[in-house]
Protein backbone atom coordinates (compact mmCIF):
# COMPACT_ATOMS: atom_id res chain seq x y z
CA GLN A 1 80.23 58.98 73.88
CA VAL A 2 80.21 55.69 75.72
CA GLN A 3 79.50 55.96 79.42
CA LEU A 4 79.88 53.24 82.01
CA VAL A 5 78.43 53.31 85.51
CA GLU A 6 79.38 50.67 88.03
CA SER A 7 77.37 49.74 91.09
CA GLY A 8 77.18 47.07 93.75
CA GLY A 9 80.37 47.70 95.68
CA GLU A 10 80.01 47.70 99.45
CA PRO A 11 81.66 46.39 102.62
CA VAL A 12 81.51 42.61 102.99
CA GLN A 13 83.01 40.08 105.35
CA PRO A 14 85.62 37.57 104.21
CA GLY A 15 83.93 34.61 102.59
CA GLY A 16 81.02 36.72 101.48
CA SER A 17 79.63 37.38 98.02
CA LEU A 18 78.83 40.42 95.92
CA ARG A 19 77.58 41.10 92.44
CA LEU A 20 78.85 44.17 90.67
CA SER A 21 76.88 45.67 87.82
CA CYS A 22 77.90 47.98 85.02
CA THR A 23 75.46 49.96 82.91
CA PHE A 24 76.57 50.82 79.37
CA SER A 25 75.19 53.75 77.37
CA GLY A 26 76.10 56.02 74.49
CA GLY A 27 77.01 53.37 71.95
CA THR A 28 76.27 49.92 70.61
CA PHE A 29 76.93 47.53 73.45
CA THR A 30 77.66 44.54 71.26
CA ASP A 31 80.49 46.45 69.53
CA TYR A 32 82.53 46.20 72.71
CA VAL A 33 84.45 43.61 74.62
CA MET A 34 83.69 44.23 78.26
CA LYS A 35 86.12 43.84 81.11
CA TRP A 36 86.44 44.32 84.83
CA ASN A 37 89.71 45.67 86.16
CA ARG A 38 90.87 46.73 89.59
CA GLN A 39 93.62 49.05 90.71
CA PRO A 40 94.88 49.17 94.28
CA PRO A 41 96.11 52.61 95.41
CA GLY A 42 99.67 53.14 94.26
CA LYS A 43 99.75 49.94 92.27
CA GLU A 44 99.29 48.98 88.66
CA ARG A 45 95.97 48.19 87.12
CA GLU A 46 95.03 44.50 87.31
CA PHE A 47 92.83 42.70 84.84
CA VAL A 48 90.08 40.75 86.60
CA ALA A 49 87.81 39.32 83.90
CA GLY A 50 86.69 39.88 80.33
CA ILE A 51 83.86 38.74 78.10
CA SER A 52 83.44 38.73 74.36
CA ARG A 53 80.93 40.80 72.43
CA THR A 54 78.48 37.94 72.15
CA GLY A 55 79.08 36.66 75.65
CA ASN A 56 80.10 33.26 74.35
CA SER A 57 83.67 33.56 75.57
CA ALA A 58 84.91 34.74 78.94
CA HIS A 59 88.23 34.80 80.75
CA VAL A 60 88.94 35.27 84.43
CA ASN A 61 92.38 36.10 85.73
CA ALA A 62 94.17 33.50 87.82
CA PRO A 63 93.97 35.24 91.23
CA VAL A 64 90.19 35.17 91.11
CA SER A 65 89.61 32.10 88.98
CA GLY A 66 87.01 29.80 90.52
CA ARG A 67 85.64 32.63 92.68
CA PHE A 68 84.59 35.32 90.20
CA THR A 69 82.49 35.04 87.05
CA ILE A 70 81.72 37.65 84.42
CA SER A 71 78.54 37.78 82.39
CA ARG A 72 76.69 40.21 80.17
CA ASP A 73 73.11 40.84 79.16
CA ASN A 74 73.12 42.23 75.64
CA ALA A 75 69.41 42.96 75.83
CA LYS A 76 69.94 45.25 78.81
CA ASP A 77 73.40 46.64 77.95
CA MET A 78 74.70 45.38 81.26
CA VAL A 79 77.78 43.50 82.38
CA TYR A 80 78.16 41.80 85.74
CA LEU A 81 80.89 40.49 87.99
CA GLN A 82 79.72 37.85 90.44
CA MET A 83 82.18 37.46 93.27
CA TYR A 84 82.19 34.57 95.75
CA SER A 85 84.48 33.62 98.63
CA LEU A 86 85.79 37.15 98.90
CA LYS A 87 89.14 37.70 100.54
CA PRO A 88 90.63 40.82 102.15
CA GLU A 89 93.05 41.06 99.24
CA ASP A 90 90.06 41.55 96.93
CA THR A 91 89.51 44.95 98.53
CA ASP A 92 89.79 47.46 95.73
CA VAL A 93 88.04 49.82 93.39
CA TYR A 94 86.58 47.79 90.54
CA TYR A 95 86.30 49.40 87.13
CA CYS A 96 84.16 48.39 84.20
CA THR A 97 85.80 48.94 80.82
CA ALA A 98 84.58 48.75 77.25
CA GLU A 99 87.05 48.06 74.43
CA GLY A 100 86.20 48.25 70.76
CA ASP A 101 86.83 50.01 67.49
CA GLY A 102 85.27 53.09 69.01
CA GLY A 103 87.96 53.24 71.64
CA GLU A 104 88.48 52.24 75.24
CA PHE A 105 86.24 53.58 77.95
CA TRP A 106 86.29 53.34 81.72
CA GLY A 107 83.73 53.88 84.40
CA LYS A 108 84.47 55.70 87.65
CA GLY A 109 84.61 52.51 89.66
CA THR A 110 82.86 50.99 92.63
CA LEU A 111 84.59 50.22 95.92
CA VAL A 112 84.61 46.73 97.35
CA THR A 113 85.88 46.39 100.91
CA VAL A 114 86.42 42.93 102.36
CA ALA A 115 87.01 43.04 106.09
CA SER A 116 85.82 41.48 109.33
């Protein structure tokens, strides 16, 4: 069973930077498209960024375009979300997800809080 564990979330001031990490285990990492999503309390899930199995193609959603980048290390079974110029509205729990023929899997999330 695929398991995903996020880390790196912490309080940060507006304008600051963070890098989130996600560790993948229990499957073949390169079988999965990896994504970062976030879901504010009481609101719908929001796609943040996704990256292809090889890492050659990535997409970042408009609200974070130019500030966030997604990358993966297929040798380490890791996916990252580098976040710059953080804003209070980026405060959220960020979830790593894996999507492939084996199914869709979610981690438990890591909390990012952007506040003065």
